[in-house]
Each structure stands twice: as structure tokens, then as C-alpha cells.
């Protein structure tokens, strides 16, 4: 897509964009690449005020070594669960590795075997950032930069292994209907609030939503832990967040 020229655009002339734009961290690069954002590199030191920015926001806001966004808010994705539901399945502590995690999900399935609406871990098939965590944990990636160009790497053996591990996990512990579902319909926060799943993968904003959806769930009922990985380490988490950009004059 070529660079957009606002001077020849009657819509942009009549309805100019705002000076400061609130952008999701996955949106900055695309808008910057098409010329929609002002290059902020020269003001980086002043804008950061000497602080260290969250890399999960700074890196997506940097295109070809140029800064186009100011990190503003970040939240890591983690496993969110209802401690009472897990305690009913005799799970009293958080899993420390992949094997313990799978063992706990199997206990949840067994404890709720008579409930056809219950799944141990609700994971929508279209939640692409959950797939990334499995890919990264396996040592793969969806694209790599070579000689200044980005090239897809989904055919890489490690990437393929991560995809296969994600598919196996999703097919085993989520519902069959969720394989083609997105993260909004059905509302996975509502599913956890209603007791129809043992856990979801989300960020801290979901905790408030779950408490709102079910007032009987108290602040001490919900807890979270980092998603364990088959690698022996916690899975890398894709940061949820946003930054501020300056529209290009």
C-alpha cells in the first residue's frame, strides 16, 4: 500500500484526524508503514523521561528502527481461574510446570464429568495471540527479518511443532464448538463467571469483567498464573496494551 497523501484527500481536508491517537500495540506498525504517523525518534529520550519502556509496547511501535508510538498501558496475558472451582477438584496450588498443568486440567474434567457445558480450559480457535505463545515456546515464529525484508516462517519445523501443540491442547481441553469461535462470542469471561470453564487466557481487565458478570464471585476467588510451556519455562506472553501516536500533518 502506498503512502497516503492527505493534501489531495477531500475527506481528510474536511475531517482531519486528531493530533494524538490512542492505538493498540498491534496497530502502530501498520499505520506507520503507510505514512499515517509522525516519526517520534528525535524526541524519544524526552518522551520516556529516563524511564525504561515495556518492550512489548516499544518494539511494536518501532518500524525500521524509527519510533512511532509512546507506550502507555500494558497488561500481560495469563491463566485466570476461579480458586473455588479448582479446590472442588482437589487442586490447592498453582501448577509449576506443563505436566502439573495438564494433570490439573484432567482433574477439572473428571470432577465436572457430569456437566455437559463444562470445559477445563476455554480457548477460542480464533484467539491468534494464544497460538503465538505456543509457537514462541517451541522456538518458532510467524515471520523473521532477513536482509531488511520480512519473510514468513510458518514452515519452520519449530513453528509447525508449536502449531501442532496448540491444536492438540485446544482440541483436548476446550469445547469442539470453540474451534472456530472468536474471543467475543461466546464471551469467555461470562463462561468463567458462570462456572462453565475452569480457566481462560486473558489479562487483568477480565478479572473486573468476571466479577461484574457474577457478583457472587469475590476478589479473593479469582487468581492467575503464567501459562506453563512444554519447553520447561513459562510461555512467552503477548502483551496487551496501547500507546499514543501523533498523526502526520
C-alpha atoms as a PDB file:
ATOM      1  CA  UNK A   1       0.000   0.000   0.000  1.00  0.00           C
ATOM      2  CA  UNK A   2       1.441   3.393  -0.960  1.00  0.00           C
ATOM      3  CA  UNK A   3       1.824   6.374   1.291  1.00  0.00           C
ATOM      4  CA  UNK A   4      -1.403   8.266   1.838  1.00  0.00           C
ATOM      5  CA  UNK A   5      -1.345  11.911   0.701  1.00  0.00           C
ATOM      6  CA  UNK A   6      -3.792  13.882   2.832  1.00  0.00           C
ATOM      7  CA  UNK A   7      -3.261  17.067   0.844  1.00  0.00           C
ATOM      8  CA  UNK A   8      -5.154  15.539  -2.088  1.00  0.00           C
ATOM      9  CA  UNK A   9      -7.792  13.843   0.041  1.00  0.00           C
ATOM     10  CA  UNK A  10     -11.017  15.890   0.362  1.00  0.00           C
ATOM     11  CA  UNK A  11     -12.254  13.740   3.254  1.00  0.00           C
ATOM     12  CA  UNK A  12      -9.055  14.326   5.236  1.00  0.00           C
ATOM     13  CA  UNK A  13      -9.313  18.036   4.423  1.00  0.00           C
ATOM     14  CA  UNK A  14     -12.885  18.320   5.707  1.00  0.00           C
ATOM     15  CA  UNK A  15     -12.425  15.898   8.620  1.00  0.00           C
ATOM     16  CA  UNK A  16      -8.776  15.998   9.701  1.00  0.00           C
ATOM     17  CA  UNK A  17      -7.634  13.257  12.079  1.00  0.00           C
ATOM     18  CA  UNK A  18      -6.947  14.077  15.749  1.00  0.00           C
ATOM     19  CA  UNK A  19      -3.422  15.161  16.621  1.00  0.00           C
ATOM     20  CA  UNK A  20      -2.923  12.421  19.237  1.00  0.00           C
ATOM     21  CA  UNK A  21      -4.229   8.915  18.596  1.00  0.00           C
ATOM     22  CA  UNK A  22      -4.745   6.038  21.029  1.00  0.00           C
ATOM     23  CA  UNK A  23      -3.522   2.888  19.260  1.00  0.00           C
ATOM     24  CA  UNK A  24      -3.416  -0.776  20.138  1.00  0.00           C
ATOM     25  CA  UNK A  25       0.169  -2.060  20.213  1.00  0.00           C
ATOM     26  CA  UNK A  26      -0.556  -4.321  17.223  1.00  0.00           C
ATOM     27  CA  UNK A  27      -1.866  -1.393  15.152  1.00  0.00           C
ATOM     28  CA  UNK A  28       1.048   1.044  15.272  1.00  0.00           C
ATOM     29  CA  UNK A  29       3.322  -0.640  12.712  1.00  0.00           C
ATOM     30  CA  UNK A  30       0.654  -0.906  10.010  1.00  0.00           C
ATOM     31  CA  UNK A  31      -0.423   2.729  10.287  1.00  0.00           C
ATOM     32  CA  UNK A  32       3.168   3.959  10.486  1.00  0.00           C
ATOM     33  CA  UNK A  33       4.135   1.923   7.415  1.00  0.00           C
ATOM     34  CA  UNK A  34       1.516   3.702   5.313  1.00  0.00           C
ATOM     35  CA  UNK A  35       2.624   7.157   6.442  1.00  0.00           C
ATOM     36  CA  UNK A  36      -0.125   7.896   8.934  1.00  0.00           C
ATOM     37  CA  UNK A  37       2.045   8.585  11.991  1.00  0.00           C
ATOM     38  CA  UNK A  38       4.723  11.126  12.787  1.00  0.00           C
ATOM     39  CA  UNK A  39       8.256   9.842  13.380  1.00  0.00           C
ATOM     40  CA  UNK A  40       8.939  10.427  17.103  1.00  0.00           C
ATOM     41  CA  UNK A  41      12.506   9.098  17.208  1.00  0.00           C
ATOM     42  CA  UNK A  42      14.113  12.501  17.776  1.00  0.00           C
ATOM     43  CA  UNK A  43      12.007  13.018  20.924  1.00  0.00           C
ATOM     44  CA  UNK A  44      12.361   9.508  22.395  1.00  0.00           C
ATOM     45  CA  UNK A  45      14.624  10.451  25.307  1.00  0.00           C
ATOM     46  CA  UNK A  46      12.415  13.369  26.287  1.00  0.00           C
ATOM     47  CA  UNK A  47       9.212  11.349  25.914  1.00  0.00           C
ATOM     48  CA  UNK A  48      10.500   8.450  28.019  1.00  0.00           C
ATOM     49  CA  UNK A  49      11.643  10.805  30.777  1.00  0.00           C
ATOM     50  CA  UNK A  50      14.525   8.491  31.611  1.00  0.00           C
ATOM     51  CA  UNK A  51      12.218   5.533  32.238  1.00  0.00           C
ATOM     52  CA  UNK A  52      12.514   2.102  30.621  1.00  0.00           C
ATOM     53  CA  UNK A  53       9.533   1.251  28.451  1.00  0.00           C
ATOM     54  CA  UNK A  54       7.850  -2.157  28.319  1.00  0.00           C
ATOM     55  CA  UNK A  55       9.460  -3.939  25.367  1.00  0.00           C
ATOM     56  CA  UNK A  56       6.132  -5.474  24.367  1.00  0.00           C
ATOM     57  CA  UNK A  57       4.900  -1.955  23.586  1.00  0.00           C
ATOM     58  CA  UNK A  58       8.117  -0.289  22.446  1.00  0.00           C
ATOM     59  CA  UNK A  59       9.098  -2.911  19.863  1.00  0.00           C
ATOM     60  CA  UNK A  60       5.719  -2.937  18.012  1.00  0.00           C
ATOM     61  CA  UNK A  61       5.877   0.886  17.942  1.00  0.00           C
ATOM     62  CA  UNK A  62       9.291   0.791  16.256  1.00  0.00           C
ATOM     63  CA  UNK A  63       9.405   0.339  12.484  1.00  0.00           C
ATOM     64  CA  UNK A  64      12.747   0.174  10.655  1.00  0.00           C
ATOM     65  CA  UNK A  65      14.463   1.475  13.805  1.00  0.00           C
ATOM     66  CA  UNK A  66      12.175   4.527  13.926  1.00  0.00           C
ATOM     67  CA  UNK A  67       9.780   5.203  16.823  1.00  0.00           C
ATOM     68  CA  UNK A  68       6.128   5.966  16.007  1.00  0.00           C
ATOM     69  CA  UNK A  69       4.338   5.320  19.301  1.00  0.00           C
ATOM     70  CA  UNK A  70       4.689   6.123  23.009  1.00  0.00           C
ATOM     71  CA  UNK A  71       3.944   3.147  25.324  1.00  0.00           C
ATOM     72  CA  UNK A  72       1.057   3.997  27.638  1.00  0.00           C
ATOM     73  CA  UNK A  73      -0.523   0.875  29.144  1.00  0.00           C
ATOM     74  CA  UNK A  74       0.372  -2.819  29.213  1.00  0.00           C
ATOM     75  CA  UNK A  75      -1.044  -5.999  30.681  1.00  0.00           C
ATOM     76  CA  UNK A  76       0.386  -9.493  30.384  1.00  0.00           C
ATOM     77  CA  UNK A  77      -1.879 -12.378  29.444  1.00  0.00           C
ATOM     78  CA  UNK A  78      -2.067 -15.199  31.964  1.00  0.00           C
ATOM     79  CA  UNK A  79      -4.269 -18.085  33.027  1.00  0.00           C
ATOM     80  CA  UNK A  80      -7.222 -16.719  35.028  1.00  0.00           C
ATOM     81  CA  UNK A  81      -9.184 -19.177  37.140  1.00  0.00           C
ATOM     82  CA  UNK A  82     -11.708 -19.469  39.982  1.00  0.00           C
ATOM     83  CA  UNK A  83      -9.932 -20.940  43.002  1.00  0.00           C
ATOM     84  CA  UNK A  84     -13.157 -22.436  44.368  1.00  0.00           C
ATOM     85  CA  UNK A  85     -13.747 -24.416  41.163  1.00  0.00           C
ATOM     86  CA  UNK A  86     -10.191 -25.756  41.274  1.00  0.00           C
ATOM     87  CA  UNK A  87     -10.427 -26.522  45.003  1.00  0.00           C
ATOM     88  CA  UNK A  88     -13.578 -28.599  44.334  1.00  0.00           C
ATOM     89  CA  UNK A  89     -11.348 -30.740  42.095  1.00  0.00           C
ATOM     90  CA  UNK A  90      -8.816 -31.082  44.972  1.00  0.00           C
ATOM     91  CA  UNK A  91      -6.383 -28.644  43.332  1.00  0.00           C
ATOM     92  CA  UNK A  92      -4.994 -26.436  46.080  1.00  0.00           C
ATOM     93  CA  UNK A  93      -1.898 -24.901  44.482  1.00  0.00           C
ATOM     94  CA  UNK A  94      -0.986 -23.472  41.129  1.00  0.00           C
ATOM     95  CA  UNK A  95       0.870 -25.696  38.645  1.00  0.00           C
ATOM     96  CA  UNK A  96       4.594 -25.039  38.367  1.00  0.00           C
ATOM     97  CA  UNK A  97       5.197 -26.758  35.033  1.00  0.00           C
ATOM     98  CA  UNK A  98       3.442 -28.227  31.981  1.00  0.00           C
ATOM     99  CA  UNK A  99       2.927 -31.705  33.459  1.00  0.00           C
ATOM    100  CA  UNK A 100       1.286 -30.313  36.598  1.00  0.00           C
ATOM    101  CA  UNK A 101      -0.846 -28.011  34.469  1.00  0.00           C
ATOM    102  CA  UNK A 102      -2.165 -30.889  32.350  1.00  0.00           C
ATOM    103  CA  UNK A 103      -2.730 -33.012  35.443  1.00  0.00           C
ATOM    104  CA  UNK A 104      -4.846 -30.235  36.980  1.00  0.00           C
ATOM    105  CA  UNK A 105      -6.916 -29.801  33.822  1.00  0.00           C
ATOM    106  CA  UNK A 106      -7.579 -33.541  33.766  1.00  0.00           C
ATOM    107  CA  UNK A 107      -8.763 -33.316  37.391  1.00  0.00           C
ATOM    108  CA  UNK A 108     -11.116 -30.484  36.458  1.00  0.00           C
ATOM    109  CA  UNK A 109     -12.542 -32.554  33.611  1.00  0.00           C
ATOM    110  CA  UNK A 110     -13.052 -35.574  35.859  1.00  0.00           C
ATOM    111  CA  UNK A 111     -14.653 -33.539  38.656  1.00  0.00           C
ATOM    112  CA  UNK A 112     -17.165 -31.970  36.232  1.00  0.00           C
ATOM    113  CA  UNK A 113     -17.725 -35.003  34.001  1.00  0.00           C
ATOM    114  CA  UNK A 114     -21.485 -34.877  34.568  1.00  0.00           C
ATOM    115  CA  UNK A 115     -21.776 -31.295  33.353  1.00  0.00           C
ATOM    116  CA  UNK A 116     -22.025 -31.265  29.518  1.00  0.00           C
ATOM    117  CA  UNK A 117     -21.467 -27.499  29.438  1.00  0.00           C
ATOM    118  CA  UNK A 118     -18.169 -27.561  31.312  1.00  0.00           C
ATOM    119  CA  UNK A 119     -14.735 -27.478  29.691  1.00  0.00           C
ATOM    120  CA  UNK A 120     -11.465 -27.425  31.651  1.00  0.00           C
ATOM    121  CA  UNK A 121      -9.890 -24.558  29.673  1.00  0.00           C
ATOM    122  CA  UNK A 122     -11.939 -22.446  27.287  1.00  0.00           C
ATOM    123  CA  UNK A 123      -9.737 -21.365  24.383  1.00  0.00           C
ATOM    124  CA  UNK A 124     -11.343 -19.910  21.215  1.00  0.00           C
ATOM    125  CA  UNK A 125      -9.861 -21.199  17.986  1.00  0.00           C
ATOM    126  CA  UNK A 126      -9.548 -17.684  16.572  1.00  0.00           C
ATOM    127  CA  UNK A 127      -7.565 -16.311  19.519  1.00  0.00           C
ATOM    128  CA  UNK A 128      -4.416 -15.931  17.446  1.00  0.00           C
ATOM    129  CA  UNK A 129      -2.264 -14.493  20.219  1.00  0.00           C
ATOM    130  CA  UNK A 130      -2.700 -17.698  22.224  1.00  0.00           C
ATOM    131  CA  UNK A 131      -1.302 -19.570  19.237  1.00  0.00           C
ATOM    132  CA  UNK A 132       1.728 -17.272  19.232  1.00  0.00           C
ATOM    133  CA  UNK A 133       2.551 -18.288  22.793  1.00  0.00           C
ATOM    134  CA  UNK A 134       2.793 -21.946  21.776  1.00  0.00           C
ATOM    135  CA  UNK A 135       4.847 -21.075  18.697  1.00  0.00           C
ATOM    136  CA  UNK A 136       7.304 -18.947  20.669  1.00  0.00           C
ATOM    137  CA  UNK A 137       7.548 -21.583  23.397  1.00  0.00           C
ATOM    138  CA  UNK A 138       8.554 -24.113  20.741  1.00  0.00           C
ATOM    139  CA  UNK A 139      11.252 -21.751  19.467  1.00  0.00           C
ATOM    140  CA  UNK A 140       9.420 -20.712  16.289  1.00  0.00           C
ATOM    141  CA  UNK A 141       7.894 -17.514  14.933  1.00  0.00           C
ATOM    142  CA  UNK A 142       5.450 -16.418  12.246  1.00  0.00           C
ATOM    143  CA  UNK A 143       7.937 -14.139  10.444  1.00  0.00           C
ATOM    144  CA  UNK A 144      11.606 -13.227  10.572  1.00  0.00           C
ATOM    145  CA  UNK A 145      13.528 -10.291   9.204  1.00  0.00           C
ATOM    146  CA  UNK A 146      16.236 -11.170   6.706  1.00  0.00           C
ATOM    147  CA  UNK A 147      18.329  -8.541   4.915  1.00  0.00           C
ATOM    148  CA  UNK A 148      15.800  -5.853   5.732  1.00  0.00           C
ATOM    149  CA  UNK A 149      12.800  -7.833   4.491  1.00  0.00           C
ATOM    150  CA  UNK A 150      10.207  -9.757   6.483  1.00  0.00           C
ATOM    151  CA  UNK A 151       9.684 -13.360   5.457  1.00  0.00           C
ATOM    152  CA  UNK A 152       7.076 -15.794   6.701  1.00  0.00           C
ATOM    153  CA  UNK A 153       8.442 -18.662   8.778  1.00  0.00           C
ATOM    154  CA  UNK A 154       5.361 -20.782   9.425  1.00  0.00           C
ATOM    155  CA  UNK A 155       7.006 -23.655   7.541  1.00  0.00           C
ATOM    156  CA  UNK A 156       9.835 -23.720  10.083  1.00  0.00           C
ATOM    157  CA  UNK A 157       9.831 -27.076  11.951  1.00  0.00           C
ATOM    158  CA  UNK A 158       9.720 -25.343  15.341  1.00  0.00           C
ATOM    159  CA  UNK A 159       6.826 -23.155  14.277  1.00  0.00           C
ATOM    160  CA  UNK A 160       4.954 -26.180  12.970  1.00  0.00           C
ATOM    161  CA  UNK A 161       5.574 -28.002  16.243  1.00  0.00           C
ATOM    162  CA  UNK A 162       4.178 -25.056  18.192  1.00  0.00           C
ATOM    163  CA  UNK A 163       1.083 -25.010  15.975  1.00  0.00           C
ATOM    164  CA  UNK A 164       0.567 -28.748  16.451  1.00  0.00           C
ATOM    165  CA  UNK A 165       0.963 -28.421  20.226  1.00  0.00           C
ATOM    166  CA  UNK A 166      -1.533 -25.558  20.306  1.00  0.00           C
ATOM    167  CA  UNK A 167      -4.043 -27.537  18.238  1.00  0.00           C
ATOM    168  CA  UNK A 168      -3.672 -30.598  20.461  1.00  0.00           C
ATOM    169  CA  UNK A 169      -4.184 -28.532  23.614  1.00  0.00           C
ATOM    170  CA  UNK A 170      -7.141 -26.579  22.234  1.00  0.00           C
ATOM    171  CA  UNK A 171      -8.880 -29.678  20.868  1.00  0.00           C
ATOM    172  CA  UNK A 172      -8.358 -31.587  24.120  1.00  0.00           C
ATOM    173  CA  UNK A 173      -9.319 -29.076  26.798  1.00  0.00           C
ATOM    174  CA  UNK A 174     -11.697 -26.624  25.127  1.00  0.00           C
ATOM    175  CA  UNK A 175     -15.069 -27.343  23.518  1.00  0.00           C
ATOM    176  CA  UNK A 176     -15.492 -28.643  19.988  1.00  0.00           C
ATOM    177  CA  UNK A 177     -17.646 -25.609  19.142  1.00  0.00           C
ATOM    178  CA  UNK A 178     -14.836 -23.271  20.239  1.00  0.00           C
ATOM    179  CA  UNK A 179     -12.505 -24.483  17.471  1.00  0.00           C
ATOM    180  CA  UNK A 180     -13.992 -21.946  15.045  1.00  0.00           C
ATOM    181  CA  UNK A 181     -15.084 -19.339  17.636  1.00  0.00           C
ATOM    182  CA  UNK A 182     -13.594 -15.914  18.321  1.00  0.00           C
ATOM    183  CA  UNK A 183     -12.866 -14.498  21.777  1.00  0.00           C
ATOM    184  CA  UNK A 184     -16.045 -12.393  21.946  1.00  0.00           C
ATOM    185  CA  UNK A 185     -18.850 -14.770  21.010  1.00  0.00           C
ATOM    186  CA  UNK A 186     -19.435 -16.508  23.304  1.00  0.00           C
ATOM    187  CA  UNK A 187     -17.959 -14.237  25.945  1.00  0.00           C
ATOM    188  CA  UNK A 188     -15.240 -16.309  27.625  1.00  0.00           C
ATOM    189  CA  UNK A 189     -15.340 -14.076  30.714  1.00  0.00           C
ATOM    190  CA  UNK A 190     -19.031 -14.866  31.082  1.00  0.00           C
ATOM    191  CA  UNK A 191     -18.290 -18.586  30.718  1.00  0.00           C
ATOM    192  CA  UNK A 192     -15.847 -18.418  33.617  1.00  0.00           C
ATOM    193  CA  UNK A 193     -18.223 -16.275  35.660  1.00  0.00           C
ATOM    194  CA  UNK A 194     -20.992 -18.858  35.116  1.00  0.00           C
ATOM    195  CA  UNK A 195     -18.738 -21.769  36.119  1.00  0.00           C
ATOM    196  CA  UNK A 196     -18.766 -23.321  32.635  1.00  0.00           C
ATOM    197  CA  UNK A 197     -14.990 -23.405  32.352  1.00  0.00           C
ATOM    198  CA  UNK A 198     -12.113 -23.902  34.728  1.00  0.00           C
ATOM    199  CA  UNK A 199      -9.836 -21.268  33.207  1.00  0.00           C
ATOM    200  CA  UNK A 200      -9.273 -18.786  30.401  1.00  0.00           C
ATOM    201  CA  UNK A 201      -6.260 -16.992  28.955  1.00  0.00           C
ATOM    202  CA  UNK A 202      -6.621 -13.234  29.311  1.00  0.00           C
ATOM    203  CA  UNK A 203      -5.317 -10.110  31.030  1.00  0.00           C
ATOM    204  CA  UNK A 204      -6.200  -8.252  34.221  1.00  0.00           C
ATOM    205  CA  UNK A 205      -9.138  -6.416  32.629  1.00  0.00           C
ATOM    206  CA  UNK A 206     -11.014  -9.720  32.531  1.00  0.00           C
ATOM    207  CA  UNK A 207     -10.984 -10.010  36.318  1.00  0.00           C
ATOM    208  CA  UNK A 208     -13.185  -6.944  36.685  1.00  0.00           C
ATOM    209  CA  UNK A 209     -15.485  -8.207  33.910  1.00  0.00           C
ATOM    210  CA  UNK A 210     -15.880 -11.619  35.582  1.00  0.00           C
ATOM    211  CA  UNK A 211     -16.717 -10.022  38.935  1.00  0.00           C
ATOM    212  CA  UNK A 212     -19.265  -7.813  37.180  1.00  0.00           C
ATOM    213  CA  UNK A 213     -20.845 -10.766  35.384  1.00  0.00           C
ATOM    214  CA  UNK A 214     -21.200 -12.734  38.627  1.00  0.00           C
ATOM    215  CA  UNK A 215     -21.424 -10.646  41.832  1.00  0.00           C
ATOM    216  CA  UNK A 216     -21.138 -13.854  43.894  1.00  0.00           C
ATOM    217  CA  UNK A 217     -17.507 -14.130  42.810  1.00  0.00           C
ATOM    218  CA  UNK A 218     -15.346 -12.138  45.214  1.00  0.00           C
ATOM    219  CA  UNK A 219     -11.961 -10.542  44.646  1.00  0.00           C
ATOM    220  CA  UNK A 220     -10.265 -13.376  46.566  1.00  0.00           C
ATOM    221  CA  UNK A 221     -11.934 -16.084  44.447  1.00  0.00           C
ATOM    222  CA  UNK A 222     -10.066 -15.267  41.244  1.00  0.00           C
ATOM    223  CA  UNK A 223      -6.371 -15.826  40.743  1.00  0.00           C
ATOM    224  CA  UNK A 224      -3.895 -16.081  37.884  1.00  0.00           C
ATOM    225  CA  UNK A 225      -0.613 -17.704  36.951  1.00  0.00           C
ATOM    226  CA  UNK A 226       1.726 -17.677  33.982  1.00  0.00           C
ATOM    227  CA  UNK A 227       0.866 -20.246  31.300  1.00  0.00           C
ATOM    228  CA  UNK A 228       3.383 -23.106  31.607  1.00  0.00           C
ATOM    229  CA  UNK A 229       5.122 -24.271  28.458  1.00  0.00           C
ATOM    230  CA  UNK A 230       6.301 -27.625  27.174  1.00  0.00           C
ATOM    231  CA  UNK A 231       9.772 -26.084  26.959  1.00  0.00           C
ATOM    232  CA  UNK A 232      10.102 -26.240  30.744  1.00  0.00           C
ATOM    233  CA  UNK A 233       9.681 -22.463  31.008  1.00  0.00           C
ATOM    234  CA  UNK A 234       6.585 -20.292  31.154  1.00  0.00           C
ATOM    235  CA  UNK A 235       5.218 -19.480  27.719  1.00  0.00           C
ATOM    236  CA  UNK A 236       6.182 -16.030  26.413  1.00  0.00           C
ATOM    237  CA  UNK A 237       3.155 -13.775  26.771  1.00  0.00           C
ATOM    238  CA  UNK A 238       1.987 -11.416  24.072  1.00  0.00           C
ATOM    239  CA  UNK A 239       1.473  -8.092  25.829  1.00  0.00           C
ATOM    240  CA  UNK A 240      -1.943  -6.489  25.651  1.00  0.00           C
ATOM    241  CA  UNK A 241      -1.765  -2.728  25.619  1.00  0.00           C
ATOM    242  CA  UNK A 242      -1.841   0.543  23.767  1.00  0.00           C
ATOM    243  CA  UNK A 243       0.308   3.537  23.008  1.00  0.00           C
ATOM    244  CA  UNK A 244      -0.078   7.107  21.851  1.00  0.00           C
ATOM    245  CA  UNK A 245       0.819   8.280  18.374  1.00  0.00           C
ATOM    246  CA  UNK A 246       0.920  11.647  16.639  1.00  0.00           C
ATOM    247  CA  UNK A 247      -0.905  11.815  13.325  1.00  0.00           C
ATOM    248  CA  UNK A 248       1.281  13.006  10.492  1.00  0.00           C
ATOM    249  CA  UNK A 249       0.444  16.560   9.316  1.00  0.00           C
END
